[in-house]
Amino acid sequence: MSNVELVEITTDSPADLIDAWVAVRTAAHAVDEINTALPWRDSNVGGLAHPVPGGVALVFLLRRDGEAVGHARIGMPTQSNTTVGWIALGVVPELRRQGIGRAALDLLFARLRAEGRTRAMSDAALALPDGVQRDEAGAAFLAATGFRQVGSEVRRDIDLSTVDVDVETRLHEAALAKAGEDYEVVRFTEPAPEEYLGDLAVMNGRLSEDTAGYIENWEPAPFDTDKIIAYQDAAAARLFRRHHVAVRHKPSGHLVAWSFLAVVAEDGRHADHEITVVIPEHRGHRLGVLVKTGLHRYARETEPNLRWIQTWNAAENGHMIAINEELGFEPIETYAEYAKDL
């Protein structure tokens, strides 16, 4: 299938190429994703202009004999895991099992080698015993092409329209009482107040250290205030509205617990619950419950059309899983991470 080619997509690409790239992403999304926001055009184009900091991203349209048949992306970390290239690949559903994916993967491997990367990584969905029925073709494809599983996370969703608000309120008030007078809740929508940036960098670094252990041979990434600002700029370019709830420790003046979610402005109904972290010295005060219940309350105020929130947890993170299930999150599927030495 040597007539498959990678056409790199940038902000300077002609509009028809960008339109084709968004169209094939949308077509693949329809069968590969379960109840998530669509890959909206303006959000994706914004991402081309403002890549996520700490790495380099290359985005491609797949073409066969001039026809758009899929999409691909390579993410290459630059501050840690600098031998890794992260691959995302999708083929238009009606053209699958024709060798397009394998041909594209060979081209992506060659590009990674040319960039000096020696380890390819990717992920794929797996069904849970009590979860949603799931096509596991992506995982089978990775296994067949030499990848091996090196980690996994379980996705959980909550439907805000079905939540018992009285129960949530009781959980929030009980957590607030457990925290005591030394802690107070703060809320903000990006951009974050300047006085919080340093603490957000510390908590991002803490989370990076915690989660690195869940994936084989994965290194934590460094964070500073400049990187936090760059993340905010990249999110704004993608038309994300990001809402935060944190807990401030009054005696020290520092934020010591934090949670936030991101809503794509073009959608408004779906949110990714991206981070929840509590500094170790302040664990045991129900601060995790406090920020998560507070975030749901804040989301209802700021996002009236929001209905679904999704989050991910490694199986080893039993404490956070327990909190999510207490709030009403239900398991949907597993996302497994895979690696292959190049």
Protein backbone atom coordinates (compact mmCIF):
# COMPACT_ATOMS: atom_id res chain seq x y z
CA MET A 1 0.00 0.00 0.00
CA SER A 2 2.88 2.32 -0.96
CA ASN A 3 0.44 4.82 -2.50
CA VAL A 4 -0.56 5.99 1.01
CA GLU A 5 1.02 9.33 1.88
CA LEU A 6 1.23 11.64 4.87
CA VAL A 7 0.34 15.26 4.12
CA GLU A 8 1.42 17.51 6.97
CA ILE A 9 -1.25 19.97 8.09
CA THR A 10 -0.19 23.37 9.43
CA THR A 11 -1.76 26.79 9.83
CA ASP A 12 -0.45 27.59 6.32
CA SER A 13 -2.19 24.61 4.70
CA PRO A 14 -4.88 25.41 2.11
CA ALA A 15 -8.41 25.53 3.50
CA ASP A 16 -9.48 22.49 1.48
CA LEU A 17 -6.78 20.35 3.09
CA ILE A 18 -7.74 21.52 6.57
CA ASP A 19 -11.41 20.84 5.77
CA ALA A 20 -10.51 17.32 4.58
CA TRP A 21 -8.47 16.71 7.74
CA VAL A 22 -11.37 17.77 9.98
CA ALA A 23 -13.80 15.69 7.91
CA VAL A 24 -11.83 12.44 8.25
CA ARG A 25 -11.33 13.09 11.97
CA THR A 26 -15.08 13.56 12.35
CA ALA A 27 -15.81 10.36 10.40
CA ALA A 28 -13.42 8.33 12.55
CA HIS A 29 -14.75 9.93 15.73
CA ALA A 30 -18.25 8.72 14.95
CA VAL A 31 -17.22 5.07 15.45
CA ASP A 32 -14.14 5.35 17.67
CA GLU A 33 -15.48 7.56 20.48
CA ILE A 34 -18.33 7.11 22.95
CA ASN A 35 -20.26 10.27 23.85
CA THR A 36 -17.43 12.81 23.55
CA ALA A 37 -17.26 16.24 21.95
CA LEU A 38 -16.81 16.31 18.19
CA PRO A 39 -13.46 17.42 16.70
CA TRP A 40 -14.77 20.91 15.89
CA ARG A 41 -12.96 22.75 13.09
CA ASP A 42 -12.15 26.00 14.87
CA SER A 43 -10.90 24.17 17.95
CA ASN A 44 -8.61 21.97 15.88
CA VAL A 45 -7.26 24.84 13.82
CA GLY A 46 -6.56 26.73 17.03
CA GLY A 47 -4.52 23.76 18.19
CA LEU A 48 -2.37 23.96 15.07
CA ALA A 49 -1.43 27.54 15.88
CA HIS A 50 -0.89 26.99 19.62
CA PRO A 51 0.53 23.53 20.38
CA VAL A 52 0.53 22.26 23.96
CA PRO A 53 3.81 23.29 25.66
CA GLY A 54 6.52 20.80 26.48
CA GLY A 55 6.46 19.05 23.14
CA VAL A 56 6.28 19.17 19.37
CA ALA A 57 3.22 17.97 17.49
CA LEU A 58 3.07 16.99 13.81
CA VAL A 59 -0.40 16.56 12.29
CA PHE A 60 -1.15 14.72 9.05
CA LEU A 61 -3.90 14.02 6.58
CA LEU A 62 -3.67 10.50 5.13
CA ARG A 63 -4.23 10.29 1.39
CA ARG A 64 -4.39 7.32 -0.96
CA ASP A 65 -4.22 8.13 -4.65
CA GLY A 66 -5.18 11.70 -3.79
CA GLU A 67 -8.23 10.72 -1.70
CA ALA A 68 -8.46 11.67 1.98
CA VAL A 69 -8.62 8.38 3.88
CA GLY A 70 -7.56 9.16 7.46
CA HIS A 71 -5.59 11.29 9.87
CA ALA A 72 -2.52 10.93 12.07
CA ARG A 73 -0.61 12.81 14.72
CA ILE A 74 2.84 12.50 16.27
CA GLY A 75 3.52 14.06 19.66
CA MET A 76 7.15 14.35 20.74
CA PRO A 77 7.93 15.47 24.31
CA THR A 78 10.87 17.85 24.60
CA GLN A 79 11.33 18.22 28.37
CA SER A 80 11.10 14.57 29.45
CA ASN A 81 10.65 11.23 27.65
CA THR A 82 12.68 12.68 24.80
CA THR A 83 13.13 9.30 23.10
CA VAL A 84 9.35 8.84 22.78
CA GLY A 85 7.01 9.64 19.93
CA TRP A 86 3.29 9.35 20.68
CA ILE A 87 1.17 8.23 17.71
CA ALA A 88 -2.54 8.76 17.08
CA LEU A 89 -3.96 7.24 13.90
CA GLY A 90 -7.44 6.95 12.43
CA VAL A 91 -8.80 5.67 9.13
CA VAL A 92 -12.20 6.49 7.64
CA PRO A 93 -14.47 3.63 8.82
CA GLU A 94 -15.57 2.35 5.42
CA LEU A 95 -11.94 2.07 4.25
CA ARG A 96 -10.58 0.07 7.18
CA ARG A 97 -8.94 -3.36 6.84
CA GLN A 98 -7.43 -2.42 3.49
CA GLY A 99 -3.85 -1.93 4.72
CA ILE A 100 -4.08 1.85 5.00
CA GLY A 101 -3.35 1.89 8.72
CA ARG A 102 -0.29 -0.37 8.42
CA ALA A 103 1.11 1.65 5.53
CA ALA A 104 0.57 4.89 7.44
CA LEU A 105 2.16 3.41 10.58
CA ASP A 106 5.30 2.49 8.65
CA LEU A 107 5.55 6.10 7.44
CA LEU A 108 5.04 7.40 10.97
CA PHE A 109 7.75 5.07 12.31
CA ALA A 110 10.14 6.36 9.65
CA ARG A 111 9.36 9.94 10.62
CA LEU A 112 9.96 9.19 14.29
CA ARG A 113 13.30 7.57 13.53
CA ALA A 114 14.26 10.59 11.45
CA GLU A 115 13.42 12.77 14.46
CA GLY A 116 15.72 10.68 16.66
CA ARG A 117 12.94 8.90 18.54
CA THR A 118 13.50 5.27 19.53
CA ARG A 119 10.20 4.38 21.21
CA ALA A 120 6.72 4.69 19.72
CA MET A 121 3.69 4.89 21.99
CA SER A 122 -0.04 4.91 21.35
CA ASP A 123 -3.29 4.06 23.08
CA ALA A 124 -6.50 2.22 22.31
CA ALA A 125 -9.85 1.52 23.92
CA LEU A 126 -10.77 -1.76 25.58
CA ALA A 127 -14.19 -2.83 26.81
CA LEU A 128 -14.90 -3.24 30.51
CA PRO A 129 -16.84 -6.29 31.73
CA ASP A 130 -19.69 -4.08 32.93
CA GLY A 131 -19.02 -1.15 30.62
CA VAL A 132 -20.23 -0.04 27.22
CA GLN A 133 -19.92 -2.49 24.33
CA ARG A 134 -16.67 -1.55 22.60
CA ASP A 135 -14.93 -2.31 19.32
CA GLU A 136 -11.39 -3.36 20.28
CA ALA A 137 -10.00 -3.26 16.75
CA GLY A 138 -7.56 -0.48 17.65
CA ALA A 139 -5.97 -2.55 20.42
CA ALA A 140 -5.80 -5.59 18.14
CA PHE A 141 -4.13 -3.47 15.46
CA LEU A 142 -1.46 -2.24 17.86
CA ALA A 143 -0.75 -5.76 19.13
CA ALA A 144 -0.50 -7.06 15.57
CA THR A 145 2.03 -4.37 14.66
CA GLY A 146 4.40 -5.13 17.54
CA PHE A 147 3.15 -2.87 20.34
CA ARG A 148 2.79 -4.19 23.89
CA GLN A 149 0.62 -2.82 26.66
CA VAL A 150 2.52 -0.77 29.27
CA GLY A 151 -0.28 0.91 31.22
CA SER A 152 -3.99 1.62 31.38
CA GLU A 153 -6.60 4.00 32.71
CA VAL A 154 -10.33 3.59 33.19
CA ARG A 155 -12.61 6.26 31.84
CA ARG A 156 -15.59 7.16 34.02
CA ASP A 157 -18.47 9.47 33.10
CA ILE A 158 -21.11 11.29 35.06
CA ASP A 159 -24.39 12.60 33.67
CA LEU A 160 -25.14 15.78 35.59
CA SER A 161 -28.82 15.55 34.70
CA THR A 162 -29.11 12.37 36.80
CA VAL A 163 -27.09 13.53 39.83
CA ASP A 164 -28.91 13.84 43.14
CA VAL A 165 -27.90 17.40 43.97
CA ASP A 166 -28.92 16.97 47.61
CA VAL A 167 -26.49 14.06 48.00
CA GLU A 168 -23.75 16.04 46.29
CA THR A 169 -24.43 19.01 48.58
CA ARG A 170 -24.19 16.81 51.67
CA LEU A 171 -20.87 15.41 50.46
CA HIS A 172 -19.56 18.91 49.84
CA GLU A 173 -20.66 20.24 53.21
CA ALA A 174 -19.26 17.20 55.04
CA ALA A 175 -15.91 17.63 53.26
CA LEU A 176 -15.91 21.33 54.12
CA ALA A 177 -16.49 20.51 57.78
CA LYS A 178 -13.76 17.84 57.74
CA ALA A 179 -11.28 20.29 56.23
CA GLY A 180 -11.80 22.73 59.08
CA GLU A 181 -10.96 26.39 59.55
CA ASP A 182 -7.43 26.15 58.12
CA TYR A 183 -8.72 25.66 54.56
CA GLU A 184 -10.86 27.72 52.20
CA VAL A 185 -12.25 27.08 48.71
CA VAL A 186 -11.32 29.37 45.80
CA ARG A 187 -12.81 29.31 42.30
CA PHE A 188 -11.74 30.85 39.03
CA THR A 189 -12.09 30.55 35.26
CA GLU A 190 -8.95 31.00 33.18
CA PRO A 191 -6.78 32.93 33.00
CA ALA A 192 -5.76 32.06 36.54
CA PRO A 193 -4.93 34.89 38.94
CA GLU A 194 -1.20 35.57 38.86
CA GLU A 195 -0.78 34.80 42.56
CA TYR A 196 -1.92 31.20 41.95
CA LEU A 197 0.46 30.35 39.09
CA GLY A 198 3.34 29.15 41.26
CA ASP A 199 1.12 26.83 43.27
CA LEU A 200 -0.50 25.45 40.10
CA ALA A 201 2.97 24.66 38.76
CA VAL A 202 3.86 22.83 41.99
CA MET A 203 0.63 20.78 41.89
CA ASN A 204 1.06 19.96 38.19
CA GLY A 205 4.55 18.71 38.98
CA ARG A 206 3.20 16.65 41.88
CA LEU A 207 0.58 15.05 39.64
CA SER A 208 3.19 14.36 36.96
CA GLU A 209 5.29 12.51 39.51
CA ASP A 210 2.30 10.54 40.80
CA THR A 211 1.09 9.45 37.36
CA ALA A 212 4.51 8.63 35.89
CA GLY A 213 4.53 5.41 37.88
CA TYR A 214 1.39 4.17 36.16
CA ILE A 215 3.10 3.81 32.75
CA GLU A 216 6.18 1.66 32.29
CA ASN A 217 9.42 3.68 31.84
CA TRP A 218 7.60 7.03 31.82
CA GLU A 219 9.31 10.12 33.23
CA PRO A 220 7.58 13.00 35.06
CA ALA A 221 7.56 16.37 33.27
CA PRO A 222 8.82 19.62 34.82
CA PHE A 223 6.47 22.56 35.40
CA ASP A 224 6.95 26.26 36.07
CA THR A 225 4.75 29.34 35.88
CA ASP A 226 5.66 30.02 32.24
CA LYS A 227 4.46 26.55 31.30
CA ILE A 228 1.18 27.08 33.17
CA ILE A 229 0.60 30.30 31.22
CA ALA A 230 1.47 28.52 27.96
CA TYR A 231 -1.03 25.77 28.75
CA GLN A 232 -3.70 28.39 29.34
CA ASP A 233 -2.88 30.09 26.03
CA ALA A 234 -3.04 26.77 24.18
CA ALA A 235 -6.40 25.94 25.78
CA ALA A 236 -7.82 29.35 24.85
CA ALA A 237 -6.65 28.88 21.25
CA ARG A 238 -8.55 25.58 21.17
CA LEU A 239 -11.64 27.42 22.41
CA PHE A 240 -11.64 25.59 25.73
CA ARG A 241 -13.28 27.20 28.73
CA ARG A 242 -11.44 25.85 31.78
CA HIS A 243 -12.98 26.19 35.22
CA HIS A 244 -11.00 25.58 38.42
CA VAL A 245 -11.73 24.92 42.06
CA ALA A 246 -8.86 24.85 44.54
CA VAL A 247 -8.32 24.80 48.29
CA ARG A 248 -6.05 27.35 49.94
CA HIS A 249 -4.26 26.53 53.17
CA LYS A 250 -4.75 29.72 55.19
CA PRO A 251 -1.70 29.46 57.49
CA SER A 252 0.73 29.08 54.56
CA GLY A 253 -1.26 31.00 51.94
CA HIS A 254 -0.67 28.23 49.36
CA LEU A 255 -3.09 26.28 47.20
CA VAL A 256 -2.81 22.65 48.30
CA ALA A 257 -5.65 20.92 46.41
CA TRP A 258 -6.96 21.57 42.94
CA SER A 259 -9.33 20.27 40.28
CA PHE A 260 -10.42 21.63 36.90
CA LEU A 261 -12.47 20.76 33.87
CA ALA A 262 -12.40 21.92 30.25
CA VAL A 263 -15.42 22.56 28.04
CA VAL A 264 -15.12 23.03 24.28
CA ALA A 265 -16.96 26.27 23.54
CA GLU A 266 -18.31 24.94 20.22
CA ASP A 267 -19.94 22.04 22.06
CA GLY A 268 -20.85 23.11 25.60
CA ARG A 269 -22.38 19.75 26.60
CA HIS A 270 -19.23 17.70 27.28
CA ALA A 271 -16.35 18.38 29.64
CA ASP A 272 -13.06 16.67 30.35
CA HIS A 273 -12.25 16.52 34.06
CA GLU A 274 -8.52 16.77 33.54
CA ILE A 275 -6.81 17.10 36.93
CA THR A 276 -7.46 16.46 40.59
CA VAL A 277 -4.50 16.60 42.95
CA VAL A 278 -3.91 17.08 46.67
CA ILE A 279 -0.44 17.87 48.02
CA PRO A 280 0.62 14.82 50.12
CA GLU A 281 1.11 16.78 53.35
CA HIS A 282 -2.54 17.87 53.19
CA ARG A 283 -4.16 14.55 52.40
CA GLY A 284 -6.62 13.01 54.83
CA HIS A 285 -8.83 16.12 55.10
CA ARG A 286 -11.30 15.18 52.32
CA LEU A 287 -9.87 17.95 50.15
CA GLY A 288 -10.23 15.76 47.05
CA VAL A 289 -13.97 15.45 47.64
CA LEU A 290 -14.15 19.15 48.43
CA VAL A 291 -12.62 20.30 45.14
CA LYS A 292 -14.51 17.79 43.00
CA THR A 293 -17.93 18.52 44.47
CA GLY A 294 -17.10 22.22 44.38
CA LEU A 295 -16.17 21.90 40.72
CA HIS A 296 -19.49 20.30 39.82
CA ARG A 297 -21.33 23.12 41.60
CA TYR A 298 -19.19 25.73 39.82
CA ALA A 299 -19.75 24.03 36.45
CA ARG A 300 -23.52 24.22 36.85
CA GLU A 301 -23.24 27.96 37.45
CA THR A 302 -20.86 28.69 34.57
CA GLU A 303 -21.92 26.11 31.95
CA PRO A 304 -25.74 25.84 31.85
CA ASN A 305 -25.68 23.45 28.87
CA LEU A 306 -23.11 21.08 30.37
CA ARG A 307 -24.41 17.55 30.82
CA TRP A 308 -21.56 15.00 30.70
CA ILE A 309 -18.20 15.01 32.47
CA GLN A 310 -15.58 12.36 31.80
CA THR A 311 -12.47 11.55 33.80
CA TRP A 312 -9.70 8.94 33.82
CA ASN A 313 -7.97 7.06 36.61
CA ALA A 314 -5.22 4.47 36.69
CA ALA A 315 -6.29 1.26 38.42
CA GLU A 316 -3.62 1.89 41.06
CA ASN A 317 -5.25 5.18 42.08
CA GLY A 318 -7.80 3.56 44.34
CA HIS A 319 -8.38 6.64 46.51
CA MET A 320 -9.44 8.87 43.61
CA ILE A 321 -11.51 6.09 42.07
CA ALA A 322 -13.42 5.79 45.35
CA ILE A 323 -14.10 9.54 45.34
CA ASN A 324 -15.34 9.47 41.74
CA GLU A 325 -17.66 6.55 42.42
CA GLU A 326 -18.96 8.28 45.54
CA LEU A 327 -19.89 11.24 43.35
CA GLY A 328 -21.69 9.03 40.82
CA PHE A 329 -19.13 8.49 38.05
CA GLU A 330 -19.69 5.21 36.21
CA PRO A 331 -17.06 3.11 34.37
CA ILE A 332 -17.27 3.36 30.58
CA GLU A 333 -14.13 1.87 29.05
CA THR A 334 -10.40 1.32 29.49
CA TYR A 335 -7.77 3.29 27.60
CA ALA A 336 -4.64 1.17 27.41
CA GLU A 337 -1.20 2.61 26.65
CA TYR A 338 1.07 0.68 24.29
CA ALA A 339 4.78 0.93 23.42
CA LYS A 340 7.07 -0.39 20.70
CA ASP A 341 10.84 -0.08 20.43
CA LEU A 342 11.89 1.29 17.07
